[in-house]
Amino acid sequence: MNQHTQVGKTVTTLNLGYALALMNKKVTLIDMDPKAQLSQDCQLDGATVGINQVLQDEITLDQAINSLAENFDVIPVGSGLADYDQVTENSSRLQQSHKLKRAIDNMSEQQDFILIDCPSKPGLLTVNALLAADEIIVPVKANYLSMQGLVSVISLFKRLKKISDGAKLWLLLTQMSQADKLASELKAIVISYFPQRILDTVIRQDDALAESRTHNKAIFDYHQESHGAADYFSLAQDIIEGRVS
């Protein structure tokens, strides 16, 4: 998650999840962002049943699952997710904040990984995702707006630790160009401030990643020999093996 857009949040959710599935891990993606970009990338943006219906106690997570490939399931936003904060405004906020965690705990099939694509805007949906998570990945692009988004996420994360079990926080450097002096400087700053919190793999700038979005495909289906495919496969190994800088 990151409260600034265009940092690779949804791209990472999709391609990291797909890479883990290719490595024989059972993976489910959950689209918690009302913008529904992940649902669109998975060609499920027209689905009327999804995570909103789960949060409203109309269905279970099992009933919202769409199986797209072996070991690879997706739960789209469903209809009405953009109104979730307003719909639950008069309810107990603390009770509503744990809806997703309870739904995950009640899934019938054991998952190796559940990846949640969070909205950029903080709110009840974001809090649900954070309280359900064991680990949080913050994509950081090589610009100062992305760095500001990182500061906001860490501030929210610290507040939530008071009422949660405390998820692990990881940073992921995205859209990096080795020839960009600013990118190199920001990378050094991030590593100096967050030692042992930076996932080893750096996601390089790659036109194929952008092109895969326009074709509503994971990078592995669009161009498996690309830098993007290699980087996200390496990132999946970071997650499994705990590789950090």
C-alpha atoms as a PDB file:
ATOM      1  CA  MET A   1       0.000   0.000   0.000  1.00  0.00           C
ATOM      2  CA  ASN A   2       0.967   3.637  -0.476  1.00  0.00           C
ATOM      3  CA  GLN A   3      -1.197   6.754  -0.232  1.00  0.00           C
ATOM      4  CA  HIS A   4       0.204   8.081  -3.500  1.00  0.00           C
ATOM      5  CA  THR A   5      -0.844   6.658  -6.845  1.00  0.00           C
ATOM      6  CA  GLN A   6       1.300   5.371  -9.717  1.00  0.00           C
ATOM      7  CA  VAL A   7       3.846   3.674  -7.452  1.00  0.00           C
ATOM      8  CA  GLY A   8       3.154   0.120  -8.650  1.00  0.00           C
ATOM      9  CA  LYS A   9       0.732  -0.964  -5.921  1.00  0.00           C
ATOM     10  CA  THR A  10      -1.777  -2.852  -8.088  1.00  0.00           C
ATOM     11  CA  VAL A  11       0.855  -4.036 -10.563  1.00  0.00           C
ATOM     12  CA  THR A  12       2.747  -5.567  -7.658  1.00  0.00           C
ATOM     13  CA  THR A  13      -0.336  -7.234  -6.166  1.00  0.00           C
ATOM     14  CA  LEU A  14      -1.162  -8.880  -9.490  1.00  0.00           C
ATOM     15  CA  ASN A  15       2.308  -9.925 -10.604  1.00  0.00           C
ATOM     16  CA  LEU A  16       3.669 -10.931  -7.209  1.00  0.00           C
ATOM     17  CA  GLY A  17       0.576 -13.064  -6.690  1.00  0.00           C
ATOM     18  CA  TYR A  18       0.912 -14.660 -10.115  1.00  0.00           C
ATOM     19  CA  ALA A  19       4.604 -15.362  -9.537  1.00  0.00           C
ATOM     20  CA  LEU A  20       3.850 -17.059  -6.213  1.00  0.00           C
ATOM     21  CA  ALA A  21       1.197 -19.197  -7.919  1.00  0.00           C
ATOM     22  CA  LEU A  22       3.741 -20.221 -10.567  1.00  0.00           C
ATOM     23  CA  MET A  23       5.943 -21.342  -7.674  1.00  0.00           C
ATOM     24  CA  ASN A  24       3.200 -23.755  -6.583  1.00  0.00           C
ATOM     25  CA  LYS A  25       1.824 -21.577  -3.791  1.00  0.00           C
ATOM     26  CA  LYS A  26      -1.927 -21.296  -3.232  1.00  0.00           C
ATOM     27  CA  VAL A  27      -2.685 -17.594  -3.727  1.00  0.00           C
ATOM     28  CA  THR A  28      -5.802 -15.450  -3.419  1.00  0.00           C
ATOM     29  CA  LEU A  29      -5.870 -11.754  -4.359  1.00  0.00           C
ATOM     30  CA  ILE A  30      -8.426  -9.418  -2.786  1.00  0.00           C
ATOM     31  CA  ASP A  31      -9.305  -6.101  -4.430  1.00  0.00           C
ATOM     32  CA  MET A  32     -10.084  -3.638  -1.620  1.00  0.00           C
ATOM     33  CA  ASP A  33      -9.693  -0.534  -3.791  1.00  0.00           C
ATOM     34  CA  PRO A  34     -13.011   0.980  -4.995  1.00  0.00           C
ATOM     35  CA  LYS A  35     -11.225   2.080  -8.174  1.00  0.00           C
ATOM     36  CA  ALA A  36     -11.242  -1.641  -9.052  1.00  0.00           C
ATOM     37  CA  GLN A  37      -8.007  -1.554 -11.068  1.00  0.00           C
ATOM     38  CA  LEU A  38      -6.990  -5.039  -9.926  1.00  0.00           C
ATOM     39  CA  SER A  39     -10.457  -6.350 -10.804  1.00  0.00           C
ATOM     40  CA  GLN A  40     -10.119  -4.737 -14.228  1.00  0.00           C
ATOM     41  CA  ASP A  41      -6.653  -6.204 -14.767  1.00  0.00           C
ATOM     42  CA  CYS A  42      -8.150  -9.629 -14.006  1.00  0.00           C
ATOM     43  CA  GLN A  43     -11.167  -8.899 -16.266  1.00  0.00           C
ATOM     44  CA  LEU A  44     -13.532  -9.012 -13.282  1.00  0.00           C
ATOM     45  CA  ASP A  45     -14.460  -5.330 -13.062  1.00  0.00           C
ATOM     46  CA  GLY A  46     -18.052  -6.137 -14.106  1.00  0.00           C
ATOM     47  CA  ALA A  47     -18.578  -8.611 -11.278  1.00  0.00           C
ATOM     48  CA  THR A  48     -21.440  -7.596  -8.978  1.00  0.00           C
ATOM     49  CA  VAL A  49     -20.374  -9.989  -6.215  1.00  0.00           C
ATOM     50  CA  GLY A  50     -17.109  -9.391  -4.412  1.00  0.00           C
ATOM     51  CA  ILE A  51     -15.440  -8.106  -1.267  1.00  0.00           C
ATOM     52  CA  ASN A  52     -18.149  -5.517  -0.579  1.00  0.00           C
ATOM     53  CA  GLN A  53     -20.756  -8.278  -0.246  1.00  0.00           C
ATOM     54  CA  VAL A  54     -18.384 -10.133   2.108  1.00  0.00           C
ATOM     55  CA  LEU A  55     -17.939  -7.049   4.299  1.00  0.00           C
ATOM     56  CA  GLN A  56     -21.725  -6.614   4.384  1.00  0.00           C
ATOM     57  CA  ASP A  57     -22.102 -10.221   5.639  1.00  0.00           C
ATOM     58  CA  GLU A  58     -24.091 -11.192   2.552  1.00  0.00           C
ATOM     59  CA  ILE A  59     -21.672 -13.937   1.444  1.00  0.00           C
ATOM     60  CA  THR A  60     -18.439 -15.584   2.578  1.00  0.00           C
ATOM     61  CA  LEU A  61     -15.009 -15.111   1.008  1.00  0.00           C
ATOM     62  CA  ASP A  62     -15.301 -18.642  -0.395  1.00  0.00           C
ATOM     63  CA  GLN A  63     -18.435 -17.595  -2.310  1.00  0.00           C
ATOM     64  CA  ALA A  64     -16.701 -14.516  -3.764  1.00  0.00           C
ATOM     65  CA  ILE A  65     -13.709 -16.374  -5.207  1.00  0.00           C
ATOM     66  CA  ASN A  66     -12.999 -16.433  -8.939  1.00  0.00           C
ATOM     67  CA  SER A  67     -10.432 -19.062  -9.965  1.00  0.00           C
ATOM     68  CA  LEU A  68      -8.407 -17.671 -12.866  1.00  0.00           C
ATOM     69  CA  ALA A  69      -5.515 -20.162 -13.052  1.00  0.00           C
ATOM     70  CA  GLU A  70      -4.010 -23.027 -11.097  1.00  0.00           C
ATOM     71  CA  ASN A  71      -3.366 -21.865  -7.504  1.00  0.00           C
ATOM     72  CA  PHE A  72      -4.492 -18.353  -8.475  1.00  0.00           C
ATOM     73  CA  ASP A  73      -7.829 -16.954  -7.224  1.00  0.00           C
ATOM     74  CA  VAL A  74      -9.171 -13.392  -7.212  1.00  0.00           C
ATOM     75  CA  ILE A  75     -11.907 -11.704  -5.184  1.00  0.00           C
ATOM     76  CA  PRO A  76     -13.066  -8.553  -7.041  1.00  0.00           C
ATOM     77  CA  VAL A  77     -14.515  -5.410  -5.471  1.00  0.00           C
ATOM     78  CA  GLY A  78     -18.138  -6.280  -6.250  1.00  0.00           C
ATOM     79  CA  SER A  79     -20.796  -3.577  -6.439  1.00  0.00           C
ATOM     80  CA  GLY A  80     -21.033  -0.703  -3.980  1.00  0.00           C
ATOM     81  CA  LEU A  81     -17.588  -0.856  -2.378  1.00  0.00           C
ATOM     82  CA  ALA A  82     -17.026   2.884  -2.838  1.00  0.00           C
ATOM     83  CA  ASP A  83     -19.887   3.507  -0.377  1.00  0.00           C
ATOM     84  CA  TYR A  84     -18.605   1.144   2.320  1.00  0.00           C
ATOM     85  CA  ASP A  85     -17.267   3.866   4.632  1.00  0.00           C
ATOM     86  CA  GLN A  86     -20.580   5.748   4.492  1.00  0.00           C
ATOM     87  CA  VAL A  87     -22.758   2.640   4.857  1.00  0.00           C
ATOM     88  CA  THR A  88     -20.968   1.629   8.039  1.00  0.00           C
ATOM     89  CA  GLU A  89     -20.719   5.156   9.438  1.00  0.00           C
ATOM     90  CA  ASN A  90     -23.242   4.564  12.223  1.00  0.00           C
ATOM     91  CA  SER A  91     -21.845   1.156  13.213  1.00  0.00           C
ATOM     92  CA  SER A  92     -19.150   0.387  15.722  1.00  0.00           C
ATOM     93  CA  ARG A  93     -15.976   1.374  13.862  1.00  0.00           C
ATOM     94  CA  LEU A  94     -13.822  -1.056  15.821  1.00  0.00           C
ATOM     95  CA  GLN A  95     -16.156  -3.958  15.065  1.00  0.00           C
ATOM     96  CA  GLN A  96     -16.328  -3.031  11.376  1.00  0.00           C
ATOM     97  CA  SER A  97     -12.527  -2.718  11.225  1.00  0.00           C
ATOM     98  CA  HIS A  98     -12.065  -6.462  11.817  1.00  0.00           C
ATOM     99  CA  LYS A  99     -14.562  -7.672   9.189  1.00  0.00           C
ATOM    100  CA  LEU A 100     -11.924  -8.765   6.686  1.00  0.00           C
ATOM    101  CA  LYS A 101      -9.791 -10.523   9.290  1.00  0.00           C
ATOM    102  CA  ARG A 102     -12.783 -12.548  10.493  1.00  0.00           C
ATOM    103  CA  ALA A 103     -13.743 -13.430   6.924  1.00  0.00           C
ATOM    104  CA  ILE A 104     -10.222 -14.658   6.172  1.00  0.00           C
ATOM    105  CA  ASP A 105     -10.144 -16.696   9.377  1.00  0.00           C
ATOM    106  CA  ASN A 106     -13.340 -18.435   8.238  1.00  0.00           C
ATOM    107  CA  MET A 107     -12.107 -19.440   4.766  1.00  0.00           C
ATOM    108  CA  SER A 108     -12.558 -23.149   4.179  1.00  0.00           C
ATOM    109  CA  GLU A 109      -9.323 -23.751   2.283  1.00  0.00           C
ATOM    110  CA  GLN A 110      -5.860 -22.967   3.629  1.00  0.00           C
ATOM    111  CA  GLN A 111      -4.064 -20.278   1.612  1.00  0.00           C
ATOM    112  CA  ASP A 112      -0.305 -19.915   1.315  1.00  0.00           C
ATOM    113  CA  PHE A 113      -0.645 -16.216   0.497  1.00  0.00           C
ATOM    114  CA  ILE A 114      -3.510 -13.713   0.485  1.00  0.00           C
ATOM    115  CA  LEU A 115      -2.538 -10.427  -1.175  1.00  0.00           C
ATOM    116  CA  ILE A 116      -4.757  -7.395  -0.590  1.00  0.00           C
ATOM    117  CA  ASP A 117      -4.743  -4.426  -2.970  1.00  0.00           C
ATOM    118  CA  CYS A 118      -5.491  -1.439  -0.707  1.00  0.00           C
ATOM    119  CA  PRO A 119      -7.005   1.911  -1.655  1.00  0.00           C
ATOM    120  CA  SER A 120      -4.693   4.915  -1.716  1.00  0.00           C
ATOM    121  CA  LYS A 121      -7.092   6.925   0.433  1.00  0.00           C
ATOM    122  CA  PRO A 122      -7.004   6.036   4.153  1.00  0.00           C
ATOM    123  CA  GLY A 123     -10.316   4.907   5.615  1.00  0.00           C
ATOM    124  CA  LEU A 124     -12.201   1.906   6.938  1.00  0.00           C
ATOM    125  CA  LEU A 125     -11.256  -0.278   3.959  1.00  0.00           C
ATOM    126  CA  THR A 126      -7.557   0.416   4.501  1.00  0.00           C
ATOM    127  CA  VAL A 127      -7.869  -0.241   8.232  1.00  0.00           C
ATOM    128  CA  ASN A 128      -9.603  -3.565   7.517  1.00  0.00           C
ATOM    129  CA  ALA A 129      -6.734  -4.589   5.271  1.00  0.00           C
ATOM    130  CA  LEU A 130      -4.027  -3.536   7.716  1.00  0.00           C
ATOM    131  CA  LEU A 131      -5.642  -5.317  10.663  1.00  0.00           C
ATOM    132  CA  ALA A 132      -6.017  -8.500   8.619  1.00  0.00           C
ATOM    133  CA  ALA A 133      -2.416  -8.474   7.395  1.00  0.00           C
ATOM    134  CA  ASP A 134       0.574 -10.340   8.774  1.00  0.00           C
ATOM    135  CA  GLU A 135       2.906  -8.381   6.483  1.00  0.00           C
ATOM    136  CA  ILE A 136       2.596  -5.024   4.718  1.00  0.00           C
ATOM    137  CA  ILE A 137       4.472  -4.110   1.540  1.00  0.00           C
ATOM    138  CA  VAL A 138       4.847  -0.409   0.728  1.00  0.00           C
ATOM    139  CA  PRO A 139       5.916   0.238  -2.882  1.00  0.00           C
ATOM    140  CA  VAL A 140       8.226   3.247  -3.073  1.00  0.00           C
ATOM    141  CA  LYS A 141       8.844   4.909  -6.418  1.00  0.00           C
ATOM    142  CA  ALA A 142      11.914   7.053  -6.961  1.00  0.00           C
ATOM    143  CA  ASN A 143      10.290  10.444  -6.417  1.00  0.00           C
ATOM    144  CA  TYR A 144       9.533  12.646  -3.442  1.00  0.00           C
ATOM    145  CA  LEU A 145       5.724  12.299  -3.641  1.00  0.00           C
ATOM    146  CA  SER A 146       6.096   8.558  -3.201  1.00  0.00           C
ATOM    147  CA  MET A 147       8.378   9.173  -0.225  1.00  0.00           C
ATOM    148  CA  GLN A 148       5.690  11.392   1.328  1.00  0.00           C
ATOM    149  CA  GLY A 149       3.206   8.555   0.835  1.00  0.00           C
ATOM    150  CA  LEU A 150       5.615   6.269   2.681  1.00  0.00           C
ATOM    151  CA  VAL A 151       5.690   8.644   5.651  1.00  0.00           C
ATOM    152  CA  SER A 152       1.874   8.685   5.781  1.00  0.00           C
ATOM    153  CA  VAL A 153       1.654   4.889   5.666  1.00  0.00           C
ATOM    154  CA  ILE A 154       4.193   4.472   8.470  1.00  0.00           C
ATOM    155  CA  SER A 155       2.291   6.995  10.614  1.00  0.00           C
ATOM    156  CA  LEU A 156      -0.958   5.053  10.135  1.00  0.00           C
ATOM    157  CA  PHE A 157       0.860   1.758  10.700  1.00  0.00           C
ATOM    158  CA  LYS A 158       2.228   2.981  14.061  1.00  0.00           C
ATOM    159  CA  ARG A 159      -1.232   4.052  15.234  1.00  0.00           C
ATOM    160  CA  LEU A 160      -2.776   0.699  14.289  1.00  0.00           C
ATOM    161  CA  LYS A 161      -0.077  -1.265  16.128  1.00  0.00           C
ATOM    162  CA  LYS A 162      -1.742  -0.126  19.343  1.00  0.00           C
ATOM    163  CA  ILE A 163      -4.840  -2.227  18.542  1.00  0.00           C
ATOM    164  CA  SER A 164      -3.386  -4.947  16.292  1.00  0.00           C
ATOM    165  CA  ASP A 165      -0.894  -7.736  16.764  1.00  0.00           C
ATOM    166  CA  GLY A 166       1.639  -5.760  14.754  1.00  0.00           C
ATOM    167  CA  ALA A 167       2.274  -6.785  11.160  1.00  0.00           C
ATOM    168  CA  LYS A 168       5.762  -6.743   9.667  1.00  0.00           C
ATOM    169  CA  LEU A 169       6.477  -3.792   7.378  1.00  0.00           C
ATOM    170  CA  TRP A 170       8.500  -4.163   4.163  1.00  0.00           C
ATOM    171  CA  LEU A 171       9.450  -1.579   1.535  1.00  0.00           C
ATOM    172  CA  LEU A 172       9.659  -2.334  -2.174  1.00  0.00           C
ATOM    173  CA  LEU A 173      11.555  -0.071  -4.580  1.00  0.00           C
ATOM    174  CA  THR A 174       9.668   0.203  -7.870  1.00  0.00           C
ATOM    175  CA  GLN A 175      10.068   1.778 -11.321  1.00  0.00           C
ATOM    176  CA  MET A 176      13.781   2.275 -10.754  1.00  0.00           C
ATOM    177  CA  SER A 177      16.168   3.394 -13.455  1.00  0.00           C
ATOM    178  CA  GLN A 178      19.858   2.820 -12.774  1.00  0.00           C
ATOM    179  CA  ALA A 179      20.682   5.846 -14.950  1.00  0.00           C
ATOM    180  CA  ASP A 180      18.522   8.199 -12.858  1.00  0.00           C
ATOM    181  CA  LYS A 181      20.660  10.039 -10.282  1.00  0.00           C
ATOM    182  CA  LEU A 182      17.625  10.983  -8.156  1.00  0.00           C
ATOM    183  CA  ALA A 183      16.484   7.344  -8.075  1.00  0.00           C
ATOM    184  CA  SER A 184      19.896   6.227  -6.833  1.00  0.00           C
ATOM    185  CA  GLU A 185      19.945   8.931  -4.150  1.00  0.00           C
ATOM    186  CA  LEU A 186      16.467   8.052  -2.886  1.00  0.00           C
ATOM    187  CA  LYS A 187      17.315   4.363  -2.836  1.00  0.00           C
ATOM    188  CA  ALA A 188      20.319   5.100  -0.614  1.00  0.00           C
ATOM    189  CA  ILE A 189      18.173   7.259   1.689  1.00  0.00           C
ATOM    190  CA  VAL A 190      15.494   4.592   2.064  1.00  0.00           C
ATOM    191  CA  ILE A 191      18.034   1.879   2.843  1.00  0.00           C
ATOM    192  CA  SER A 192      19.799   4.082   5.412  1.00  0.00           C
ATOM    193  CA  TYR A 193      16.559   4.868   7.259  1.00  0.00           C
ATOM    194  CA  PHE A 194      15.036   1.390   7.020  1.00  0.00           C
ATOM    195  CA  PRO A 195      17.821  -1.196   7.226  1.00  0.00           C
ATOM    196  CA  GLN A 196      16.623  -4.793   6.921  1.00  0.00           C
ATOM    197  CA  ARG A 197      13.215  -3.525   5.793  1.00  0.00           C
ATOM    198  CA  ILE A 198      13.899  -3.249   2.050  1.00  0.00           C
ATOM    199  CA  LEU A 199      13.033  -6.289  -0.040  1.00  0.00           C
ATOM    200  CA  ASP A 200      16.135  -7.307  -2.017  1.00  0.00           C
ATOM    201  CA  THR A 201      14.597  -7.133  -5.470  1.00  0.00           C
ATOM    202  CA  VAL A 202      14.252  -3.740  -7.155  1.00  0.00           C
ATOM    203  CA  ILE A 203      11.473  -3.510  -9.753  1.00  0.00           C
ATOM    204  CA  ARG A 204      13.018  -1.868 -12.791  1.00  0.00           C
ATOM    205  CA  GLN A 205      11.269   0.437 -15.229  1.00  0.00           C
ATOM    206  CA  ASP A 206       9.899  -1.750 -17.996  1.00  0.00           C
ATOM    207  CA  ASP A 207       7.584  -0.816 -20.864  1.00  0.00           C
ATOM    208  CA  ALA A 208       6.273  -4.383 -20.930  1.00  0.00           C
ATOM    209  CA  LEU A 209       4.727  -3.913 -17.481  1.00  0.00           C
ATOM    210  CA  ALA A 210       2.718  -0.907 -18.672  1.00  0.00           C
ATOM    211  CA  GLU A 211       1.746  -2.700 -21.880  1.00  0.00           C
ATOM    212  CA  SER A 212       0.543  -5.747 -19.954  1.00  0.00           C
ATOM    213  CA  ARG A 213      -1.957  -3.517 -18.097  1.00  0.00           C
ATOM    214  CA  THR A 214      -3.529  -2.369 -21.353  1.00  0.00           C
ATOM    215  CA  HIS A 215      -4.007  -6.017 -22.310  1.00  0.00           C
ATOM    216  CA  ASN A 216      -5.406  -6.959 -18.862  1.00  0.00           C
ATOM    217  CA  LYS A 217      -2.705  -9.580 -18.369  1.00  0.00           C
ATOM    218  CA  ALA A 218      -0.118 -10.462 -15.784  1.00  0.00           C
ATOM    219  CA  ILE A 219       3.390  -9.828 -17.066  1.00  0.00           C
ATOM    220  CA  PHE A 220       4.060 -13.575 -17.181  1.00  0.00           C
ATOM    221  CA  ASP A 221       1.243 -14.081 -19.694  1.00  0.00           C
ATOM    222  CA  TYR A 222       2.148 -10.978 -21.694  1.00  0.00           C
ATOM    223  CA  HIS A 223       5.959 -11.144 -21.915  1.00  0.00           C
ATOM    224  CA  GLN A 224       7.574 -13.786 -19.738  1.00  0.00           C
ATOM    225  CA  GLU A 225      11.086 -12.906 -20.947  1.00  0.00           C
ATOM    226  CA  SER A 226      10.804  -9.253 -19.874  1.00  0.00           C
ATOM    227  CA  HIS A 227      12.636  -7.474 -17.063  1.00  0.00           C
ATOM    228  CA  GLY A 228       9.284  -7.121 -15.295  1.00  0.00           C
ATOM    229  CA  ALA A 229       8.657 -10.866 -15.265  1.00  0.00           C
ATOM    230  CA  ALA A 230      12.184 -11.550 -14.000  1.00  0.00           C
ATOM    231  CA  ASP A 231      11.868  -8.915 -11.270  1.00  0.00           C
ATOM    232  CA  TYR A 232       8.513 -10.097  -9.966  1.00  0.00           C
ATOM    233  CA  PHE A 233       9.631 -13.720  -9.963  1.00  0.00           C
ATOM    234  CA  SER A 234      12.674 -12.611  -7.956  1.00  0.00           C
ATOM    235  CA  LEU A 235      10.400 -10.636  -5.609  1.00  0.00           C
ATOM    236  CA  ALA A 236       8.349 -13.775  -4.964  1.00  0.00           C
ATOM    237  CA  GLN A 237      11.590 -15.510  -3.945  1.00  0.00           C
ATOM    238  CA  ASP A 238      12.323 -12.588  -1.591  1.00  0.00           C
ATOM    239  CA  ILE A 239       8.972 -13.131   0.100  1.00  0.00           C
ATOM    240  CA  ILE A 240       9.412 -16.891   0.450  1.00  0.00           C
ATOM    241  CA  GLU A 241      13.042 -16.771   1.550  1.00  0.00           C
ATOM    242  CA  GLY A 242      12.914 -13.534   3.584  1.00  0.00           C
ATOM    243  CA  ARG A 243      15.569 -11.757   1.500  1.00  0.00           C
ATOM    244  CA  VAL A 244      16.012  -8.126   2.568  1.00  0.00           C
ATOM    245  CA  SER A 245      18.578  -5.320   2.426  1.00  0.00           C
END
